[in-house]
N, C-alpha and C. Protein backbone atom coordinates (compact mmCIF):
# COMPACT_ATOMS: atom_id res chain seq x y z
N MET A 1 10.08 107.43 -6.63
CA MET A 1 10.10 106.34 -7.67
C MET A 1 9.34 105.55 -8.89
N VAL A 2 9.07 106.03 -10.29
CA VAL A 2 8.48 105.49 -11.41
C VAL A 2 8.24 104.30 -11.82
N LEU A 3 8.26 103.47 -11.85
CA LEU A 3 9.02 102.07 -12.52
C LEU A 3 8.43 102.03 -14.07
N ASP A 4 9.36 102.18 -14.85
CA ASP A 4 8.80 102.23 -16.29
C ASP A 4 8.45 100.74 -16.77
N VAL A 5 7.45 100.78 -16.68
CA VAL A 5 6.37 99.16 -17.01
C VAL A 5 6.64 99.07 -18.73
N SER A 6 6.32 99.66 -19.44
CA SER A 6 6.27 99.26 -20.80
C SER A 6 7.87 99.60 -21.75
N ARG A 7 8.36 99.93 -20.71
CA ARG A 7 10.09 99.91 -21.29
C ARG A 7 9.98 98.71 -21.42
N TYR A 8 10.32 97.76 -19.77
CA TYR A 8 10.97 96.38 -19.46
C TYR A 8 9.82 95.63 -20.48
N ARG A 9 8.71 95.95 -20.24
CA ARG A 9 7.97 94.67 -21.65
C ARG A 9 8.26 95.29 -23.07
N ASN A 10 8.37 96.00 -23.85
CA ASN A 10 8.87 95.68 -24.66
C ASN A 10 10.18 95.44 -24.57
N LYS A 11 11.19 94.95 -24.11
CA LYS A 11 12.64 94.79 -23.90
C LYS A 11 12.63 93.29 -23.64
N VAL A 12 11.68 92.35 -23.29
CA VAL A 12 11.16 91.85 -22.65
C VAL A 12 10.71 91.22 -23.92
N ARG A 13 10.52 91.69 -24.87
CA ARG A 13 9.28 91.08 -25.99
C ARG A 13 10.58 90.88 -27.52
N LYS A 14 11.28 92.00 -26.86
CA LYS A 14 12.66 91.89 -28.43
C LYS A 14 12.96 90.87 -27.79
N ASN A 15 13.52 90.19 -26.73
CA ASN A 15 14.88 89.51 -26.07
C ASN A 15 14.19 87.84 -26.34
N THR A 16 14.19 87.53 -27.91
CA THR A 16 14.10 86.53 -28.13
C THR A 16 15.21 84.90 -27.82
N PRO A 17 15.37 84.04 -27.23
CA PRO A 17 15.77 82.93 -27.40
C PRO A 17 16.90 82.83 -27.92
N ARG A 18 17.76 82.74 -27.59
CA ARG A 18 18.79 81.36 -29.05
C ARG A 18 19.50 80.47 -28.51
N PHE A 19 19.43 79.85 -29.43
CA PHE A 19 19.78 78.61 -29.59
C PHE A 19 21.04 78.58 -30.13
N ASN A 20 22.55 78.18 -30.00
CA ASN A 20 23.47 77.86 -31.16
C ASN A 20 23.75 77.02 -30.83
N MET A 21 23.15 76.08 -32.30
CA MET A 21 23.54 75.18 -33.29
C MET A 21 24.52 74.01 -32.92
N VAL A 22 25.92 75.95 -32.81
CA VAL A 22 27.14 74.75 -33.49
C VAL A 22 27.35 73.61 -32.21
N PRO A 23 27.63 73.91 -30.94
CA PRO A 23 27.64 73.77 -30.08
C PRO A 23 26.57 71.93 -29.32
N PHE A 24 26.33 72.71 -29.82
CA PHE A 24 24.98 70.70 -30.04
C PHE A 24 25.00 70.37 -30.82
N ILE A 25 25.58 70.63 -32.45
CA ILE A 25 25.53 69.51 -33.45
C ILE A 25 26.98 68.34 -33.19
N ASP A 26 28.17 69.12 -32.32
CA ASP A 26 29.48 68.67 -32.21
C ASP A 26 29.05 68.03 -31.07
N VAL A 27 28.06 68.21 -29.81
CA VAL A 27 27.94 67.22 -28.80
C VAL A 27 26.96 65.60 -29.45
N VAL A 28 25.91 65.85 -30.55
CA VAL A 28 25.04 65.03 -31.15
C VAL A 28 26.43 64.07 -31.33
N PHE A 29 27.31 64.62 -32.62
CA PHE A 29 28.52 63.94 -32.92
C PHE A 29 29.24 62.98 -32.26
N THR A 30 29.65 63.62 -31.33
CA THR A 30 30.36 63.11 -30.51
C THR A 30 30.09 61.64 -29.81
N ILE A 31 28.74 62.05 -29.44
CA ILE A 31 28.14 60.96 -28.60
C ILE A 31 28.07 60.13 -30.00
N LEU A 32 27.12 60.03 -31.29
CA LEU A 32 27.00 58.60 -32.42
C LEU A 32 27.68 58.65 -32.49
N ILE A 33 29.59 58.97 -32.44
CA ILE A 33 30.90 58.63 -32.08
C ILE A 33 31.35 57.83 -31.21
N PHE A 34 31.60 58.13 -30.54
CA PHE A 34 31.53 56.94 -28.47
C PHE A 34 30.47 56.19 -28.89
N LEU A 35 29.42 56.25 -29.68
CA LEU A 35 28.26 54.81 -29.83
C LEU A 35 28.52 53.31 -30.12
N MET A 36 28.99 54.39 -31.75
CA MET A 36 29.34 52.94 -32.78
C MET A 36 30.59 52.74 -32.69
N VAL A 37 32.08 53.74 -31.93
CA VAL A 37 33.32 53.19 -31.61
C VAL A 37 33.23 52.09 -30.21
N THR A 38 32.49 52.15 -29.42
CA THR A 38 32.25 51.47 -28.38
C THR A 38 31.47 49.60 -29.07
N SER A 39 30.06 49.52 -29.50
CA SER A 39 29.38 49.33 -30.35
C SER A 39 30.44 47.94 -31.18
N SER A 40 29.83 46.75 -30.78
CA SER A 40 30.55 45.48 -31.57
C SER A 40 29.30 45.21 -32.59
N PHE A 41 29.81 44.82 -34.02
CA PHE A 41 28.57 44.68 -35.33
C PHE A 41 29.42 43.28 -35.69
N GLY A 42 30.08 42.28 -34.78
CA GLY A 42 30.62 41.18 -35.04
C GLY A 42 29.30 40.04 -35.27
N ALA A 43 30.10 38.84 -35.30
CA ALA A 43 28.50 37.99 -35.42
C ALA A 43 27.92 36.99 -34.21
N ALA A 44 26.61 36.76 -34.71
CA ALA A 44 25.60 37.09 -33.83
C ALA A 44 25.95 35.84 -33.12
N ASP A 45 26.33 35.20 -31.88
CA ASP A 45 26.48 34.71 -30.76
C ASP A 45 26.55 32.72 -31.51
N GLN A 46 27.51 32.05 -32.05
CA GLN A 46 27.42 30.33 -32.45
C GLN A 46 26.88 29.94 -31.54
N THR A 47 26.30 30.59 -30.50
CA THR A 47 25.29 28.96 -29.51
C THR A 47 24.15 29.41 -29.77
N GLN A 48 23.56 29.83 -30.55
CA GLN A 48 22.39 29.73 -31.06
C GLN A 48 22.51 29.90 -32.30
N SER A 49 21.46 29.43 -33.32
CA SER A 49 21.00 28.78 -34.41
C SER A 49 20.70 29.95 -35.09
N ALA A 50 20.79 30.21 -36.01
CA ALA A 50 20.02 31.33 -36.85
C ALA A 50 17.92 31.08 -37.17
N SER A 51 17.93 30.44 -36.65
CA SER A 51 16.43 30.19 -35.89
C SER A 51 15.62 30.61 -34.78
N GLY A 52 16.73 30.45 -33.86
CA GLY A 52 16.60 31.23 -32.80
C GLY A 52 16.19 29.91 -31.49
N LYS A 53 16.16 28.63 -32.30
CA LYS A 53 16.01 28.03 -31.38
C LYS A 53 18.12 27.50 -30.57
N PRO A 54 17.65 26.96 -29.36
CA PRO A 54 19.18 26.73 -28.49
C PRO A 54 19.21 25.48 -29.23
N GLN A 55 20.69 24.99 -29.24
CA GLN A 55 21.19 24.35 -30.07
C GLN A 55 21.40 22.84 -28.60
N VAL A 56 21.42 21.94 -29.44
CA VAL A 56 21.01 20.66 -28.90
C VAL A 56 22.25 20.60 -27.53
N THR A 57 23.18 21.70 -27.61
CA THR A 57 23.91 21.93 -26.24
C THR A 57 24.00 21.93 -24.78
N GLN A 58 22.25 23.39 -25.12
CA GLN A 58 21.84 23.88 -24.76
C GLN A 58 20.94 23.25 -24.05
N SER A 59 20.04 22.72 -23.99
CA SER A 59 18.96 22.21 -23.51
C SER A 59 20.07 20.95 -21.78
N SER A 60 19.11 21.17 -20.86
CA SER A 60 19.26 20.90 -19.82
C SER A 60 18.02 20.27 -19.50
N GLY A 61 19.20 18.69 -19.23
CA GLY A 61 18.35 17.67 -18.32
C GLY A 61 18.00 16.36 -19.22
N THR A 62 17.35 16.36 -19.57
CA THR A 62 17.28 14.75 -19.90
C THR A 62 15.97 14.07 -19.98
N SER A 63 15.18 15.49 -20.35
CA SER A 63 13.73 14.95 -20.49
C SER A 63 13.67 14.35 -22.20
N GLU A 64 12.95 13.61 -22.80
CA GLU A 64 12.31 13.89 -24.19
C GLU A 64 10.88 15.06 -24.71
N TYR A 65 10.49 15.48 -23.79
CA TYR A 65 9.58 16.33 -24.59
C TYR A 65 10.07 17.31 -24.04
N TYR A 66 9.39 18.47 -23.87
CA TYR A 66 9.69 20.23 -23.46
C TYR A 66 8.58 20.60 -24.20
N LEU A 67 7.75 21.16 -23.17
CA LEU A 67 7.12 21.80 -22.49
C LEU A 67 6.72 23.02 -22.98
N VAL A 68 5.91 23.57 -23.91
CA VAL A 68 5.39 24.85 -24.94
C VAL A 68 4.44 25.74 -24.46
N PRO A 69 3.97 25.77 -23.81
CA PRO A 69 2.75 27.07 -23.43
C PRO A 69 2.40 27.98 -23.58
N VAL A 70 1.29 28.07 -23.96
CA VAL A 70 1.04 30.17 -25.12
C VAL A 70 -0.40 30.19 -24.36
N ALA A 71 -0.55 31.15 -23.83
CA ALA A 71 -1.86 32.07 -23.62
C ALA A 71 -2.53 32.00 -24.69
N GLY A 72 -3.50 31.12 -23.58
CA GLY A 72 -5.32 31.12 -25.28
C GLY A 72 -4.93 29.98 -26.03
N LEU A 73 -4.04 28.76 -25.71
CA LEU A 73 -4.06 28.14 -26.29
C LEU A 73 -4.83 27.09 -26.68
N LYS A 74 -5.28 27.00 -28.32
CA LYS A 74 -6.68 25.81 -29.15
C LYS A 74 -6.91 25.10 -29.66
N LYS A 75 -6.10 25.60 -30.21
CA LYS A 75 -5.30 24.18 -31.61
C LYS A 75 -3.90 23.69 -31.48
N VAL A 76 -3.97 22.73 -31.60
CA VAL A 76 -2.47 22.82 -32.41
C VAL A 76 -2.40 21.44 -33.16
N THR A 77 -1.29 21.77 -34.40
CA THR A 77 -1.66 20.75 -36.08
C THR A 77 -0.45 20.13 -36.32
N VAL A 78 -0.30 18.83 -36.40
CA VAL A 78 1.16 18.33 -36.48
C VAL A 78 0.93 17.81 -37.50
N ASN A 79 1.79 18.38 -38.66
CA ASN A 79 1.59 17.99 -40.18
C ASN A 79 -0.35 17.95 -41.11
N GLY A 80 -0.75 18.60 -40.60
CA GLY A 80 -2.08 19.30 -40.95
C GLY A 80 -2.73 17.74 -40.12
N GLN A 81 -2.19 17.49 -39.21
CA GLN A 81 -3.38 16.54 -38.28
C GLN A 81 -3.65 17.13 -36.78
N ASP A 82 -4.81 17.23 -36.29
CA ASP A 82 -4.99 17.77 -35.43
C ASP A 82 -4.97 17.27 -33.85
N MET A 83 -4.14 17.59 -33.32
CA MET A 83 -3.83 17.26 -31.81
C MET A 83 -4.29 17.66 -30.73
N SER A 84 -5.07 18.32 -30.93
CA SER A 84 -5.80 19.61 -30.12
C SER A 84 -6.26 18.46 -28.84
N SER A 85 -6.27 17.50 -28.66
CA SER A 85 -6.86 16.94 -27.78
C SER A 85 -5.47 16.79 -26.21
N TYR A 86 -4.27 16.68 -26.59
CA TYR A 86 -2.88 16.83 -26.43
C TYR A 86 -2.81 18.20 -25.31
N ILE A 87 -3.80 18.64 -25.13
CA ILE A 87 -3.05 20.34 -24.16
C ILE A 87 -3.58 20.06 -23.49
N ARG A 88 -2.93 20.44 -22.25
CA ARG A 88 -3.36 20.69 -21.01
C ARG A 88 -3.31 21.86 -20.15
N ASN A 89 -3.25 22.79 -19.91
CA ASN A 89 -3.47 24.37 -19.23
C ASN A 89 -3.22 24.59 -20.01
N GLY A 90 -3.56 25.03 -21.36
CA GLY A 90 -2.70 25.94 -22.05
C GLY A 90 -1.18 25.77 -22.87
N ALA A 91 -0.75 24.60 -22.21
CA ALA A 91 0.55 23.87 -23.38
C ALA A 91 0.53 22.64 -23.87
N ILE A 92 1.57 22.64 -23.82
CA ILE A 92 1.47 21.42 -24.78
C ILE A 92 3.06 21.05 -24.91
N ALA A 93 3.11 19.47 -24.90
CA ALA A 93 4.99 19.25 -25.05
C ALA A 93 5.00 18.37 -25.55
N VAL A 94 6.59 19.65 -26.27
CA VAL A 94 7.35 18.73 -28.17
C VAL A 94 8.34 18.27 -27.59
N HIS A 95 8.40 16.82 -29.15
CA HIS A 95 9.14 16.12 -28.44
C HIS A 95 11.17 16.99 -29.19
N THR A 96 11.71 16.63 -27.95
CA THR A 96 13.24 17.10 -28.68
C THR A 96 13.58 16.93 -29.96
N ARG A 97 13.56 16.10 -30.57
CA ARG A 97 14.07 16.31 -32.32
C ARG A 97 12.89 17.21 -32.81
N VAL A 98 12.18 17.27 -32.56
CA VAL A 98 11.16 18.24 -33.38
C VAL A 98 11.30 19.71 -33.26
N ILE A 99 11.78 20.12 -32.21
CA ILE A 99 12.45 21.36 -31.62
C ILE A 99 13.04 21.74 -32.02
N ASP A 100 14.84 20.46 -32.02
CA ASP A 100 15.23 20.38 -33.56
C ASP A 100 15.63 21.13 -34.67
N GLU A 101 15.03 19.69 -35.20
CA GLU A 101 14.80 19.68 -36.64
C GLU A 101 13.86 20.15 -37.55
N GLY A 102 12.86 19.96 -36.30
CA GLY A 102 11.11 20.11 -37.28
C GLY A 102 10.92 21.81 -37.51
N GLU A 103 9.89 21.93 -37.54
CA GLU A 103 9.63 23.67 -37.92
C GLU A 103 7.91 23.58 -36.44
N ILE A 104 8.26 24.71 -35.97
CA ILE A 104 7.26 25.40 -34.95
C ILE A 104 6.46 26.51 -34.96
N ILE A 105 5.63 26.67 -35.16
CA ILE A 105 5.37 28.32 -36.15
C ILE A 105 3.65 28.43 -35.08
N ILE A 106 3.92 29.04 -33.69
CA ILE A 106 3.50 29.58 -32.76
C ILE A 106 2.69 31.34 -33.31
N ARG A 107 1.18 31.02 -33.14
CA ARG A 107 0.48 32.08 -33.30
C ARG A 107 -0.02 32.17 -31.84
N SER A 108 0.40 33.08 -31.60
CA SER A 108 -0.50 33.44 -30.31
C SER A 108 -1.91 34.26 -30.01
N LYS A 109 -1.86 34.76 -30.88
CA LYS A 109 -3.47 35.63 -31.02
C LYS A 109 -4.64 34.37 -31.48
N ALA A 110 -4.00 34.07 -32.86
CA ALA A 110 -4.70 32.79 -32.62
C ALA A 110 -4.99 31.38 -31.28
N GLY A 111 -3.97 31.58 -30.50
CA GLY A 111 -4.30 30.47 -30.18
C GLY A 111 -3.72 28.98 -30.43
N GLU A 112 -2.73 29.19 -31.35
CA GLU A 112 -2.73 27.32 -32.32
C GLU A 112 -1.14 27.60 -32.59
N ILE A 113 -0.70 25.90 -32.82
CA ILE A 113 0.72 26.04 -33.09
C ILE A 113 0.49 24.91 -34.09
N ILE A 114 1.12 25.21 -35.25
CA ILE A 114 1.42 24.55 -36.01
C ILE A 114 2.62 24.19 -36.30
N ILE A 115 2.49 22.04 -36.12
CA ILE A 115 4.03 21.61 -36.05
C ILE A 115 4.66 20.91 -37.47
N THR A 116 5.50 21.02 -37.81
CA THR A 116 6.09 20.38 -38.61
C THR A 116 6.88 19.46 -38.56
N THR A 117 7.51 18.19 -38.91
CA THR A 117 7.78 17.42 -37.95
C THR A 117 9.03 16.91 -39.17
N PRO A 118 10.25 15.94 -38.45
CA PRO A 118 10.97 16.34 -39.21
C PRO A 118 11.13 14.93 -40.88
N ALA A 119 11.95 14.65 -41.22
CA ALA A 119 11.50 13.85 -42.60
C ALA A 119 11.49 12.48 -41.44
N GLY A 120 10.41 11.95 -42.04
CA GLY A 120 10.32 10.00 -41.41
C GLY A 120 10.08 9.92 -39.18
N PHE A 121 9.45 11.18 -38.75
CA PHE A 121 9.58 11.37 -37.41
C PHE A 121 7.50 10.91 -37.38
N PRO A 122 7.64 10.04 -36.36
CA PRO A 122 6.14 9.74 -36.48
C PRO A 122 5.09 11.00 -36.07
N ILE A 123 3.90 11.02 -36.36
CA ILE A 123 3.44 12.53 -36.00
C ILE A 123 2.73 12.46 -34.52
N ASN A 124 2.44 10.18 -33.58
CA ASN A 124 2.06 10.33 -32.62
C ASN A 124 3.14 10.91 -31.49
N LYS A 125 4.18 10.98 -32.57
CA LYS A 125 5.51 11.00 -30.74
C LYS A 125 5.76 12.64 -30.99
N ALA A 126 5.44 13.14 -31.89
CA ALA A 126 6.04 15.15 -32.06
C ALA A 126 5.33 15.29 -30.92
N VAL A 127 4.26 14.78 -30.38
CA VAL A 127 3.61 15.76 -29.29
C VAL A 127 3.01 14.54 -28.54
N SER A 128 3.09 15.16 -26.92
CA SER A 128 2.09 14.61 -25.95
C SER A 128 1.77 15.22 -24.61
N ILE A 129 0.78 14.43 -23.66
CA ILE A 129 0.31 15.93 -22.92
C ILE A 129 1.11 16.05 -22.18
N PRO A 130 1.11 17.56 -21.29
CA PRO A 130 2.46 17.67 -20.82
C PRO A 130 1.64 17.04 -19.61
N THR A 131 2.71 16.64 -18.42
CA THR A 131 2.66 15.86 -17.44
C THR A 131 2.41 16.97 -16.01
N GLN A 132 2.47 17.92 -16.10
CA GLN A 132 2.36 18.66 -14.89
C GLN A 132 0.92 19.03 -13.84
């Protein structure tokens, strides 16, 4: 018995795989509709402000200062005044009122924190040396 290899080879070359796109598109749209129906697009959670800062009611503990650690922290500026001497172990303690009402910009690549205090808040109370 002789095998006809050339005939089989020609049959394999001509037999190209086919992909039916109609069922694929149906499945993709069904998954898309399912995800849109089950997702919620409501307003953001009201427990956080638009800036991402926690509300005062979310603060746990009675501390007047909260620790802000930044890897490689080298410089802290409060209203343009250098307060880098307050840094201990790559962290600084920031007053709760400054966190809630002021502005804190953290530039982790530069190892820098820029703090703007609320109006009338003393600069020397805005940050403190961490006590850990």
